[in-house]
Amino acid sequence: MAGAMKLACLVLACMIVAGPITANALTCGVVFSTLSPCRFYMSNGGPLPPACCAGIRKLRAMARTTTDRRQACTCITQAVKAFNSKGSRAAALPSKCGINLPYKFSSATNCKNVA
């Protein structure tokens, strides 16, 4: 009986620790919605919306681990394609916003190399 109680406590502790980690997983849906203010600019140019830069800052803050950064990178490559982005506009977004990222906004970025 004492062994079962210890096991139950261990399982509960694991659930408490693992729960927030999986709940905060970065998904392409989150990345797409965070970058949605950038869509028109990436496709058509014009003035850069402040909400676009705010979204890129938010994305950088959300991608805290290597796994998150690789996932964000993969989703960004998909977003660049989905938004019919002109390559140079997408690639210039982080620098135009004054934000350093460990990957490029490009449909050709190899996200496996992101640290």
PDB file of N, CA and C in Angstrom:
ATOM      1  N   MET A   1       0.816  -1.197   0.000  1.00  0.00           N
ATOM      2  CA  MET A   1       0.000   0.000   0.000  1.00  0.00           C
ATOM      3  C   MET A   1       0.862   1.265   0.000  1.00  0.00           C
ATOM      4  N   ALA A   2       1.945   1.262   0.802  1.00  0.00           N
ATOM      5  CA  ALA A   2       2.833   2.425   0.847  1.00  0.00           C
ATOM      6  C   ALA A   2       3.524   2.620  -0.493  1.00  0.00           C
ATOM      7  N   GLY A   3       3.847   1.513  -1.172  1.00  0.00           N
ATOM      8  CA  GLY A   3       4.480   1.595  -2.493  1.00  0.00           C
ATOM      9  C   GLY A   3       3.544   2.216  -3.517  1.00  0.00           C
ATOM     10  N   ALA A   4       2.272   1.862  -3.440  1.00  0.00           N
ATOM     11  CA  ALA A   4       1.287   2.423  -4.366  1.00  0.00           C
ATOM     12  C   ALA A   4       1.113   3.921  -4.126  1.00  0.00           C
ATOM     13  N   MET A   5       1.163   4.325  -2.873  1.00  0.00           N
ATOM     14  CA  MET A   5       1.022   5.744  -2.542  1.00  0.00           C
ATOM     15  C   MET A   5       2.220   6.534  -3.060  1.00  0.00           C
ATOM     16  N   LYS A   6       3.424   5.974  -2.927  1.00  0.00           N
ATOM     17  CA  LYS A   6       4.627   6.639  -3.438  1.00  0.00           C
ATOM     18  C   LYS A   6       4.547   6.777  -4.953  1.00  0.00           C
ATOM     19  N   LEU A   7       4.094   5.703  -5.621  1.00  0.00           N
ATOM     20  CA  LEU A   7       3.964   5.734  -7.077  1.00  0.00           C
ATOM     21  C   LEU A   7       2.939   6.788  -7.498  1.00  0.00           C
ATOM     22  N   ALA A   8       1.829   6.852  -6.793  1.00  0.00           N
ATOM     23  CA  ALA A   8       0.799   7.846  -7.118  1.00  0.00           C
ATOM     24  C   ALA A   8       1.341   9.263  -6.949  1.00  0.00           C
ATOM     25  N   CYS A   9       2.109   9.488  -5.888  1.00  0.00           N
ATOM     26  CA  CYS A   9       2.706  10.813  -5.670  1.00  0.00           C
ATOM     27  C   CYS A   9       3.711  11.152  -6.760  1.00  0.00           C
ATOM     28  N   LEU A  10       4.495  10.161  -7.187  1.00  0.00           N
ATOM     29  CA  LEU A  10       5.474  10.377  -8.254  1.00  0.00           C
ATOM     30  C   LEU A  10       4.772  10.726  -9.567  1.00  0.00           C
ATOM     31  N   VAL A  11       3.729   9.990  -9.897  1.00  0.00           N
ATOM     32  CA  VAL A  11       2.975  10.264 -11.125  1.00  0.00           C
ATOM     33  C   VAL A  11       2.359  11.662 -11.067  1.00  0.00           C
ATOM     34  N   LEU A  12       1.799  12.021  -9.935  1.00  0.00           N
ATOM     35  CA  LEU A  12       1.202  13.349  -9.777  1.00  0.00           C
ATOM     36  C   LEU A  12       2.249  14.444  -9.932  1.00  0.00           C
ATOM     37  N   ALA A  13       3.413  14.240  -9.333  1.00  0.00           N
ATOM     38  CA  ALA A  13       4.491  15.227  -9.458  1.00  0.00           C
ATOM     39  C   ALA A  13       4.925  15.376 -10.912  1.00  0.00           C
ATOM     40  N   CYS A  14       5.030  14.266 -11.634  1.00  0.00           N
ATOM     41  CA  CYS A  14       5.405  14.329 -13.056  1.00  0.00           C
ATOM     42  C   CYS A  14       4.359  15.080 -13.868  1.00  0.00           C
ATOM     43  N   MET A  15       3.092  14.853 -13.552  1.00  0.00           N
ATOM     44  CA  MET A  15       2.031  15.548 -14.283  1.00  0.00           C
ATOM     45  C   MET A  15       2.077  17.051 -14.028  1.00  0.00           C
ATOM     46  N   ILE A  16       2.376  17.430 -12.805  1.00  0.00           N
ATOM     47  CA  ILE A  16       2.439  18.852 -12.474  1.00  0.00           C
ATOM     48  C   ILE A  16       3.582  19.522 -13.214  1.00  0.00           C
ATOM     49  N   VAL A  17       4.724  18.843 -13.277  1.00  0.00           N
ATOM     50  CA  VAL A  17       5.894  19.405 -13.947  1.00  0.00           C
ATOM     51  C   VAL A  17       5.715  19.398 -15.459  1.00  0.00           C
ATOM     52  N   ALA A  18       5.226  18.298 -16.015  1.00  0.00           N
ATOM     53  CA  ALA A  18       5.117  18.166 -17.473  1.00  0.00           C
ATOM     54  C   ALA A  18       3.923  18.924 -18.038  1.00  0.00           C
ATOM     55  N   GLY A  19       2.881  19.129 -17.266  1.00  0.00           N
ATOM     56  CA  GLY A  19       1.682  19.793 -17.763  1.00  0.00           C
ATOM     57  C   GLY A  19       1.936  21.142 -18.393  1.00  0.00           C
ATOM     58  N   PRO A  20       2.582  22.078 -17.680  1.00  0.00           N
ATOM     59  CA  PRO A  20       2.818  23.403 -18.263  1.00  0.00           C
ATOM     60  C   PRO A  20       3.736  23.370 -19.472  1.00  0.00           C
ATOM     61  N   ILE A  21       4.647  22.422 -19.522  1.00  0.00           N
ATOM     62  CA  ILE A  21       5.570  22.355 -20.651  1.00  0.00           C
ATOM     63  C   ILE A  21       4.811  22.025 -21.927  1.00  0.00           C
ATOM     64  N   THR A  22       3.952  21.008 -21.878  1.00  0.00           N
ATOM     65  CA  THR A  22       3.215  20.643 -23.081  1.00  0.00           C
ATOM     66  C   THR A  22       2.119  21.660 -23.393  1.00  0.00           C
ATOM     67  N   ALA A  23       1.576  22.304 -22.382  1.00  0.00           N
ATOM     68  CA  ALA A  23       0.522  23.285 -22.621  1.00  0.00           C
ATOM     69  C   ALA A  23       1.053  24.511 -23.357  1.00  0.00           C
ATOM     70  N   ASN A  24       2.329  24.803 -23.208  1.00  0.00           N
ATOM     71  CA  ASN A  24       2.904  25.985 -23.829  1.00  0.00           C
ATOM     72  C   ASN A  24       3.651  25.670 -25.117  1.00  0.00           C
ATOM     73  N   ALA A  25       3.430  24.483 -25.681  1.00  0.00           N
ATOM     74  CA  ALA A  25       4.139  24.100 -26.897  1.00  0.00           C
ATOM     75  C   ALA A  25       3.824  25.085 -28.022  1.00  0.00           C
ATOM     76  N   LEU A  26       4.848  25.436 -28.756  1.00  0.00           N
ATOM     77  CA  LEU A  26       4.715  26.372 -29.863  1.00  0.00           C
ATOM     78  C   LEU A  26       4.189  25.617 -31.081  1.00  0.00           C
ATOM     79  N   THR A  27       3.094  26.074 -31.641  1.00  0.00           N
ATOM     80  CA  THR A  27       2.503  25.427 -32.808  1.00  0.00           C
ATOM     81  C   THR A  27       2.526  26.387 -33.992  1.00  0.00           C
ATOM     82  N   CYS A  28       2.368  25.824 -35.178  1.00  0.00           N
ATOM     83  CA  CYS A  28       2.327  26.677 -36.369  1.00  0.00           C
ATOM     84  C   CYS A  28       1.102  27.588 -36.344  1.00  0.00           C
ATOM     85  N   GLY A  29       0.019  27.132 -35.757  1.00  0.00           N
ATOM     86  CA  GLY A  29      -1.155  27.992 -35.634  1.00  0.00           C
ATOM     87  C   GLY A  29      -0.849  29.244 -34.836  1.00  0.00           C
ATOM     88  N   VAL A  30      -0.104  29.074 -33.748  1.00  0.00           N
ATOM     89  CA  VAL A  30       0.293  30.213 -32.919  1.00  0.00           C
ATOM     90  C   VAL A  30       1.233  31.123 -33.703  1.00  0.00           C
ATOM     91  N   VAL A  31       2.203  30.527 -34.397  1.00  0.00           N
ATOM     92  CA  VAL A  31       3.160  31.321 -35.179  1.00  0.00           C
ATOM     93  C   VAL A  31       2.434  32.089 -36.277  1.00  0.00           C
ATOM     94  N   PHE A  32       1.536  31.414 -37.008  1.00  0.00           N
ATOM     95  CA  PHE A  32       0.808  32.079 -38.089  1.00  0.00           C
ATOM     96  C   PHE A  32      -0.009  33.251 -37.551  1.00  0.00           C
ATOM     97  N   SER A  33      -0.712  33.034 -36.434  1.00  0.00           N
ATOM     98  CA  SER A  33      -1.542  34.131 -35.925  1.00  0.00           C
ATOM     99  C   SER A  33      -0.675  35.264 -35.380  1.00  0.00           C
ATOM    100  N   THR A  34       0.480  34.926 -34.803  1.00  0.00           N
ATOM    101  CA  THR A  34       1.385  35.957 -34.293  1.00  0.00           C
ATOM    102  C   THR A  34       1.958  36.795 -35.430  1.00  0.00           C
ATOM    103  N   LEU A  35       2.190  36.151 -36.572  1.00  0.00           N
ATOM    104  CA  LEU A  35       2.757  36.859 -37.727  1.00  0.00           C
ATOM    105  C   LEU A  35       1.698  37.414 -38.679  1.00  0.00           C
ATOM    106  N   SER A  36       0.427  37.193 -38.392  1.00  0.00           N
ATOM    107  CA  SER A  36      -0.616  37.646 -39.320  1.00  0.00           C
ATOM    108  C   SER A  36      -0.569  39.146 -39.609  1.00  0.00           C
ATOM    109  N   PRO A  37      -0.159  40.010 -38.665  1.00  0.00           N
ATOM    110  CA  PRO A  37      -0.053  41.434 -39.015  1.00  0.00           C
ATOM    111  C   PRO A  37       1.029  41.718 -40.063  1.00  0.00           C
ATOM    112  N   CYS A  38       1.911  40.744 -40.305  1.00  0.00           N
ATOM    113  CA  CYS A  38       2.995  40.920 -41.282  1.00  0.00           C
ATOM    114  C   CYS A  38       2.588  40.473 -42.687  1.00  0.00           C
ATOM    115  N   ARG A  39       1.465  39.792 -42.778  1.00  0.00           N
ATOM    116  CA  ARG A  39       1.082  39.150 -44.037  1.00  0.00           C
ATOM    117  C   ARG A  39       1.021  40.127 -45.216  1.00  0.00           C
ATOM    118  N   PHE A  40       0.302  41.215 -45.072  1.00  0.00           N
ATOM    119  CA  PHE A  40       0.155  42.149 -46.184  1.00  0.00           C
ATOM    120  C   PHE A  40       1.511  42.711 -46.588  1.00  0.00           C
ATOM    121  N   TYR A  41       2.315  43.088 -45.604  1.00  0.00           N
ATOM    122  CA  TYR A  41       3.637  43.639 -45.914  1.00  0.00           C
ATOM    123  C   TYR A  41       4.485  42.618 -46.675  1.00  0.00           C
ATOM    124  N   MET A  42       4.499  41.371 -46.210  1.00  0.00           N
ATOM    125  CA  MET A  42       5.329  40.360 -46.875  1.00  0.00           C
ATOM    126  C   MET A  42       4.876  40.118 -48.308  1.00  0.00           C
ATOM    127  N   SER A  43       3.585  40.211 -48.553  1.00  0.00           N
ATOM    128  CA  SER A  43       3.063  39.959 -49.899  1.00  0.00           C
ATOM    129  C   SER A  43       3.137  41.171 -50.814  1.00  0.00           C
ATOM    130  N   ASN A  44       2.873  42.361 -50.268  1.00  0.00           N
ATOM    131  CA  ASN A  44       2.690  43.539 -51.114  1.00  0.00           C
ATOM    132  C   ASN A  44       3.635  44.701 -50.847  1.00  0.00           C
ATOM    133  N   GLY A  45       4.342  44.668 -49.729  1.00  0.00           N
ATOM    134  CA  GLY A  45       5.206  45.799 -49.383  1.00  0.00           C
ATOM    135  C   GLY A  45       4.401  46.900 -48.725  1.00  0.00           C
ATOM    136  N   GLY A  46       4.887  48.108 -48.842  1.00  0.00           N
ATOM    137  CA  GLY A  46       4.222  49.244 -48.212  1.00  0.00           C
ATOM    138  C   GLY A  46       4.775  49.485 -46.823  1.00  0.00           C
ATOM    139  N   PRO A  47       4.056  50.274 -46.034  1.00  0.00           N
ATOM    140  CA  PRO A  47       4.541  50.563 -44.682  1.00  0.00           C
ATOM    141  C   PRO A  47       4.488  49.313 -43.796  1.00  0.00           C
ATOM    142  N   LEU A  48       5.480  49.181 -42.949  1.00  0.00           N
ATOM    143  CA  LEU A  48       5.559  48.041 -42.035  1.00  0.00           C
ATOM    144  C   LEU A  48       4.672  48.316 -40.821  1.00  0.00           C
ATOM    145  N   PRO A  49       3.651  47.494 -40.603  1.00  0.00           N
ATOM    146  CA  PRO A  49       2.757  47.737 -39.465  1.00  0.00           C
ATOM    147  C   PRO A  49       3.476  47.515 -38.131  1.00  0.00           C
ATOM    148  N   PRO A  50       3.301  48.408 -37.170  1.00  0.00           N
ATOM    149  CA  PRO A  50       3.899  48.205 -35.846  1.00  0.00           C
ATOM    150  C   PRO A  50       3.476  46.876 -35.216  1.00  0.00           C
ATOM    151  N   ALA A  51       2.255  46.430 -35.514  1.00  0.00           N
ATOM    152  CA  ALA A  51       1.777  45.155 -34.963  1.00  0.00           C
ATOM    153  C   ALA A  51       2.597  43.979 -35.482  1.00  0.00           C
ATOM    154  N   CYS A  52       3.175  44.126 -36.670  1.00  0.00           N
ATOM    155  CA  CYS A  52       4.034  43.079 -37.222  1.00  0.00           C
ATOM    156  C   CYS A  52       5.277  42.928 -36.351  1.00  0.00           C
ATOM    157  N   CYS A  53       5.931  44.027 -36.053  1.00  0.00           N
ATOM    158  CA  CYS A  53       7.134  43.987 -35.204  1.00  0.00           C
ATOM    159  C   CYS A  53       6.789  43.483 -33.808  1.00  0.00           C
ATOM    160  N   ALA A  54       5.638  43.871 -33.301  1.00  0.00           N
ATOM    161  CA  ALA A  54       5.206  43.385 -31.985  1.00  0.00           C
ATOM    162  C   ALA A  54       5.028  41.870 -32.020  1.00  0.00           C
ATOM    163  N   GLY A  55       4.498  41.357 -33.126  1.00  0.00           N
ATOM    164  CA  GLY A  55       4.327  39.915 -33.274  1.00  0.00           C
ATOM    165  C   GLY A  55       5.655  39.180 -33.329  1.00  0.00           C
ATOM    166  N   ILE A  56       6.627  39.750 -34.031  1.00  0.00           N
ATOM    167  CA  ILE A  56       7.951  39.125 -34.115  1.00  0.00           C
ATOM    168  C   ILE A  56       8.616  39.134 -32.738  1.00  0.00           C
ATOM    169  N   ARG A  57       8.462  40.224 -31.994  1.00  0.00           N
ATOM    170  CA  ARG A  57       9.004  40.280 -30.625  1.00  0.00           C
ATOM    171  C   ARG A  57       8.348  39.220 -29.739  1.00  0.00           C
ATOM    172  N   LYS A  58       7.045  39.090 -29.881  1.00  0.00           N
ATOM    173  CA  LYS A  58       6.307  38.097 -29.098  1.00  0.00           C
ATOM    174  C   LYS A  58       6.776  36.692 -29.456  1.00  0.00           C
ATOM    175  N   LEU A  59       6.966  36.441 -30.735  1.00  0.00           N
ATOM    176  CA  LEU A  59       7.429  35.131 -31.182  1.00  0.00           C
ATOM    177  C   LEU A  59       8.807  34.821 -30.608  1.00  0.00           C
ATOM    178  N   ARG A  60       9.694  35.804 -30.635  1.00  0.00           N
ATOM    179  CA  ARG A  60      11.036  35.605 -30.067  1.00  0.00           C
ATOM    180  C   ARG A  60      10.939  35.266 -28.581  1.00  0.00           C
ATOM    181  N   ALA A  61      10.060  35.934 -27.872  1.00  0.00           N
ATOM    182  CA  ALA A  61       9.897  35.675 -26.437  1.00  0.00           C
ATOM    183  C   ALA A  61       9.310  34.290 -26.169  1.00  0.00           C
ATOM    184  N   MET A  62       8.432  33.822 -27.048  1.00  0.00           N
ATOM    185  CA  MET A  62       7.814  32.508 -26.862  1.00  0.00           C
ATOM    186  C   MET A  62       8.785  31.368 -27.152  1.00  0.00           C
ATOM    187  N   ALA A  63       9.722  31.585 -28.055  1.00  0.00           N
ATOM    188  CA  ALA A  63      10.648  30.525 -28.481  1.00  0.00           C
ATOM    189  C   ALA A  63      11.890  30.545 -27.594  1.00  0.00           C
ATOM    190  N   ARG A  64      11.763  29.982 -26.399  1.00  0.00           N
ATOM    191  CA  ARG A  64      12.847  30.041 -25.417  1.00  0.00           C
ATOM    192  C   ARG A  64      13.820  28.877 -25.506  1.00  0.00           C
ATOM    193  N   THR A  65      13.369  27.739 -25.992  1.00  0.00           N
ATOM    194  CA  THR A  65      14.233  26.559 -26.056  1.00  0.00           C
ATOM    195  C   THR A  65      14.647  26.300 -27.498  1.00  0.00           C
ATOM    196  N   THR A  66      15.659  25.464 -27.676  1.00  0.00           N
ATOM    197  CA  THR A  66      16.086  25.092 -29.032  1.00  0.00           C
ATOM    198  C   THR A  66      14.931  24.455 -29.785  1.00  0.00           C
ATOM    199  N   THR A  67      14.185  23.590 -29.118  1.00  0.00           N
ATOM    200  CA  THR A  67      13.032  22.937 -29.759  1.00  0.00           C
ATOM    201  C   THR A  67      12.015  23.975 -30.215  1.00  0.00           C
ATOM    202  N   ASP A  68      11.722  24.938 -29.362  1.00  0.00           N
ATOM    203  CA  ASP A  68      10.770  26.000 -29.728  1.00  0.00           C
ATOM    204  C   ASP A  68      11.289  26.827 -30.898  1.00  0.00           C
ATOM    205  N   ARG A  69      12.588  27.170 -30.869  1.00  0.00           N
ATOM    206  CA  ARG A  69      13.157  27.977 -31.957  1.00  0.00           C
ATOM    207  C   ARG A  69      13.121  27.216 -33.274  1.00  0.00           C
ATOM    208  N   ARG A  70      13.411  25.923 -33.238  1.00  0.00           N
ATOM    209  CA  ARG A  70      13.335  25.118 -34.470  1.00  0.00           C
ATOM    210  C   ARG A  70      11.902  25.028 -34.968  1.00  0.00           C
ATOM    211  N   GLN A  71      10.963  24.863 -34.048  1.00  0.00           N
ATOM    212  CA  GLN A  71       9.552  24.811 -34.437  1.00  0.00           C
ATOM    213  C   GLN A  71       9.114  26.148 -35.026  1.00  0.00           C
ATOM    214  N   ALA A  72       9.492  27.239 -34.377  1.00  0.00           N
ATOM    215  CA  ALA A  72       9.148  28.567 -34.899  1.00  0.00           C
ATOM    216  C   ALA A  72       9.734  28.751 -36.287  1.00  0.00           C
ATOM    217  N   CYS A  73      10.980  28.349 -36.466  1.00  0.00           N
ATOM    218  CA  CYS A  73      11.645  28.463 -37.763  1.00  0.00           C
ATOM    219  C   CYS A  73      10.886  27.681 -38.831  1.00  0.00           C
ATOM    220  N   THR A  74      10.532  26.437 -38.511  1.00  0.00           N
ATOM    221  CA  THR A  74       9.790  25.600 -39.461  1.00  0.00           C
ATOM    222  C   THR A  74       8.461  26.251 -39.829  1.00  0.00           C
ATOM    223  N   CYS A  75       7.775  26.769 -38.839  1.00  0.00           N
ATOM    224  CA  CYS A  75       6.485  27.420 -39.092  1.00  0.00           C
ATOM    225  C   CYS A  75       6.654  28.699 -39.905  1.00  0.00           C
ATOM    226  N   ILE A  76       7.730  29.436 -39.647  1.00  0.00           N
ATOM    227  CA  ILE A  76       7.987  30.664 -40.405  1.00  0.00           C
ATOM    228  C   ILE A  76       8.251  30.337 -41.865  1.00  0.00           C
ATOM    229  N   THR A  77       9.002  29.263 -42.142  1.00  0.00           N
ATOM    230  CA  THR A  77       9.241  28.895 -43.547  1.00  0.00           C
ATOM    231  C   THR A  77       7.917  28.582 -44.234  1.00  0.00           C
ATOM    232  N   GLN A  78       7.004  27.943 -43.504  1.00  0.00           N
ATOM    233  CA  GLN A  78       5.679  27.655 -44.064  1.00  0.00           C
ATOM    234  C   GLN A  78       4.868  28.939 -44.242  1.00  0.00           C
ATOM    235  N   ALA A  79       4.971  29.838 -43.283  1.00  0.00           N
ATOM    236  CA  ALA A  79       4.227  31.104 -43.367  1.00  0.00           C
ATOM    237  C   ALA A  79       4.703  31.938 -44.547  1.00  0.00           C
ATOM    238  N   VAL A  80       6.009  31.967 -44.767  1.00  0.00           N
ATOM    239  CA  VAL A  80       6.558  32.735 -45.896  1.00  0.00           C
ATOM    240  C   VAL A  80       5.963  32.212 -47.200  1.00  0.00           C
ATOM    241  N   LYS A  81       5.844  30.894 -47.320  1.00  0.00           N
ATOM    242  CA  LYS A  81       5.232  30.302 -48.521  1.00  0.00           C
ATOM    243  C   LYS A  81       3.735  30.612 -48.571  1.00  0.00           C
ATOM    244  N   ALA A  82       3.046  30.407 -47.451  1.00  0.00           N
ATOM    245  CA  ALA A  82       1.592  30.594 -47.415  1.00  0.00           C
ATOM    246  C   ALA A  82       1.187  32.043 -47.657  1.00  0.00           C
ATOM    247  N   PHE A  83       1.997  32.980 -47.198  1.00  0.00           N
ATOM    248  CA  PHE A  83       1.687  34.397 -47.361  1.00  0.00           C
ATOM    249  C   PHE A  83       2.106  34.923 -48.732  1.00  0.00           C
ATOM    250  N   ASN A  84       2.595  34.036 -49.622  1.00  0.00           N
ATOM    251  CA  ASN A  84       3.082  34.438 -50.949  1.00  0.00           C
ATOM    252  C   ASN A  84       4.059  35.598 -50.829  1.00  0.00           C
ATOM    253  N   SER A  85       4.966  35.452 -49.896  1.00  0.00           N
ATOM    254  CA  SER A  85       5.899  36.531 -49.588  1.00  0.00           C
ATOM    255  C   SER A  85       6.968  36.689 -50.650  1.00  0.00           C
ATOM    256  N   LYS A  86       7.345  37.921 -50.881  1.00  0.00           N
ATOM    257  CA  LYS A  86       8.529  38.208 -51.681  1.00  0.00           C
ATOM    258  C   LYS A  86       9.712  37.970 -50.753  1.00  0.00           C
ATOM    259  N   GLY A  87      10.655  37.140 -51.178  1.00  0.00           N
ATOM    260  CA  GLY A  87      11.752  36.703 -50.324  1.00  0.00           C
ATOM    261  C   GLY A  87      12.490  37.807 -49.614  1.00  0.00           C
ATOM    262  N   SER A  88      12.812  38.879 -50.327  1.00  0.00           N
ATOM    263  CA  SER A  88      13.595  39.951 -49.710  1.00  0.00           C
ATOM    264  C   SER A  88      12.802  40.673 -48.625  1.00  0.00           C
ATOM    265  N   ARG A  89      11.492  40.814 -48.800  1.00  0.00           N
ATOM    266  CA  ARG A  89      10.673  41.473 -47.777  1.00  0.00           C
ATOM    267  C   ARG A  89      10.621  40.636 -46.505  1.00  0.00           C
ATOM    268  N   ALA A  90      10.404  39.341 -46.678  1.00  0.00           N
ATOM    269  CA  ALA A  90      10.336  38.455 -45.512  1.00  0.00           C
ATOM    270  C   ALA A  90      11.673  38.430 -44.788  1.00  0.00           C
ATOM    271  N   ALA A  91      12.757  38.288 -45.536  1.00  0.00           N
ATOM    272  CA  ALA A  91      14.089  38.200 -44.929  1.00  0.00           C
ATOM    273  C   ALA A  91      14.452  39.469 -44.169  1.00  0.00           C
ATOM    274  N   ALA A  92      13.957  40.606 -44.617  1.00  0.00           N
ATOM    275  CA  ALA A  92      14.304  41.887 -43.996  1.00  0.00           C
ATOM    276  C   ALA A  92      13.470  42.208 -42.756  1.00  0.00           C
ATOM    277  N   LEU A  93      12.392  41.476 -42.533  1.00  0.00           N
ATOM    278  CA  LEU A  93      11.489  41.822 -41.430  1.00  0.00           C
ATOM    279  C   LEU A  93      12.173  41.936 -40.067  1.00  0.00           C
ATOM    280  N   PRO A  94      12.908  40.923 -39.613  1.00  0.00           N
ATOM    281  CA  PRO A  94      13.511  41.061 -38.274  1.00  0.00           C
ATOM    282  C   PRO A  94      14.417  42.288 -38.150  1.00  0.00           C
ATOM    283  N   SER A  95      15.251  42.533 -39.151  1.00  0.00           N
ATOM    284  CA  SER A  95      16.157  43.688 -39.045  1.00  0.00           C
ATOM    285  C   SER A  95      15.389  45.003 -39.132  1.00  0.00           C
ATOM    286  N   LYS A  96      14.338  45.064 -39.954  1.00  0.00           N
ATOM    287  CA  LYS A  96      13.525  46.287 -40.029  1.00  0.00           C
ATOM    288  C   LYS A  96      12.850  46.578 -38.689  1.00  0.00           C
ATOM    289  N   CYS A  97      12.581  45.517 -37.941  1.00  0.00           N
ATOM    290  CA  CYS A  97      11.957  45.675 -36.624  1.00  0.00           C
ATOM    291  C   CYS A  97      12.997  45.818 -35.515  1.00  0.00           C
ATOM    292  N   GLY A  98      14.283  45.697 -35.863  1.00  0.00           N
ATOM    293  CA  GLY A  98      15.340  45.801 -34.860  1.00  0.00           C
ATOM    294  C   GLY A  98      15.406  44.599 -33.933  1.00  0.00           C
ATOM    295  N   ILE A  99      15.079  43.427 -34.467  1.00  0.00           N
ATOM    296  CA  ILE A  99      15.019  42.206 -33.660  1.00  0.00           C
ATOM    297  C   ILE A  99      16.012  41.188 -34.210  1.00  0.00           C
ATOM    298  N   ASN A 100      16.838  40.638 -33.345  1.00  0.00           N
ATOM    299  CA  ASN A 100      17.775  39.589 -33.742  1.00  0.00           C
ATOM    300  C   ASN A 100      17.148  38.226 -33.498  1.00  0.00           C
ATOM    301  N   LEU A 101      17.142  37.409 -34.536  1.00  0.00           N
ATOM    302  CA  LEU A 101      16.635  36.045 -34.432  1.00  0.00           C
ATOM    303  C   LEU A 101      17.722  35.079 -34.893  1.00  0.00           C
ATOM    304  N   PRO A 102      17.717  33.843 -34.385  1.00  0.00           N
ATOM    305  CA  PRO A 102      18.745  32.875 -34.783  1.00  0.00           C
ATOM    306  C   PRO A 102      18.434  32.160 -36.100  1.00  0.00           C
ATOM    307  N   TYR A 103      17.486  32.666 -36.872  1.00  0.00           N
ATOM    308  CA  TYR A 103      17.122  32.075 -38.156  1.00  0.00           C
ATOM    309  C   TYR A 103      16.595  33.185 -39.051  1.00  0.00           C
ATOM    310  N   LYS A 104      16.532  32.875 -40.350  1.00  0.00           N
ATOM    311  CA  LYS A 104      16.050  33.861 -41.320  1.00  0.00           C
ATOM    312  C   LYS A 104      14.586  33.609 -41.647  1.00  0.00           C
ATOM    313  N   PHE A 105      13.909  34.661 -42.007  1.00  0.00           N
ATOM    314  CA  PHE A 105      12.553  34.550 -42.524  1.00  0.00           C
ATOM    315  C   PHE A 105      12.690  34.211 -44.000  1.00  0.00           C
ATOM    316  N   SER A 106      12.668  32.926 -44.300  1.00  0.00           N
ATOM    317  CA  SER A 106      12.863  32.470 -45.667  1.00  0.00           C
ATOM    318  C   SER A 106      12.203  31.112 -45.829  1.00  0.00           C
ATOM    319  N   SER A 107      11.759  30.827 -47.038  1.00  0.00           N
ATOM    320  CA  SER A 107      11.193  29.506 -47.297  1.00  0.00           C
ATOM    321  C   SER A 107      12.287  28.459 -47.465  1.00  0.00           C
ATOM    322  N   ALA A 108      13.549  28.887 -47.518  1.00  0.00           N
ATOM    323  CA  ALA A 108      14.663  27.962 -47.743  1.00  0.00           C
ATOM    324  C   ALA A 108      15.541  27.756 -46.506  1.00  0.00           C
ATOM    325  N   THR A 109      15.152  28.278 -45.358  1.00  0.00           N
ATOM    326  CA  THR A 109      15.969  28.141 -44.151  1.00  0.00           C
ATOM    327  C   THR A 109      16.005  26.686 -43.699  1.00  0.00           C
ATOM    328  N   ASN A 110      17.207  26.190 -43.360  1.00  0.00           N
ATOM    329  CA  ASN A 110      17.352  24.847 -42.802  1.00  0.00           C
ATOM    330  C   ASN A 110      17.210  24.957 -41.285  1.00  0.00           C
ATOM    331  N   CYS A 111      16.050  24.651 -40.795  1.00  0.00           N
ATOM    332  CA  CYS A 111      15.745  24.860 -39.379  1.00  0.00           C
ATOM    333  C   CYS A 111      16.430  23.851 -38.466  1.00  0.00           C
ATOM    334  N   LYS A 112      16.951  22.772 -39.021  1.00  0.00           N
ATOM    335  CA  LYS A 112      17.670  21.788 -38.202  1.00  0.00           C
ATOM    336  C   LYS A 112      18.963  22.372 -37.647  1.00  0.00           C
ATOM    337  N   ASN A 113      19.469  23.431 -38.269  1.00  0.00           N
ATOM    338  CA  ASN A 113      20.712  24.059 -37.815  1.00  0.00           C
ATOM    339  C   ASN A 113      20.492  25.136 -36.762  1.00  0.00           C
ATOM    340  N   VAL A 114      19.245  25.420 -36.431  1.00  0.00           N
ATOM    341  CA  VAL A 114      18.935  26.463 -35.448  1.00  0.00           C
ATOM    342  C   VAL A 114      19.259  25.946 -34.050  1.00  0.00           C
ATOM    343  N   ALA A 115      19.971  26.756 -33.300  1.00  0.00           N
ATOM    344  CA  ALA A 115      20.340  26.347 -31.924  1.00  0.00           C
ATOM    345  C   ALA A 115      19.424  26.975 -30.900  1.00  0.00           C
TER     346      ALA A 115
END
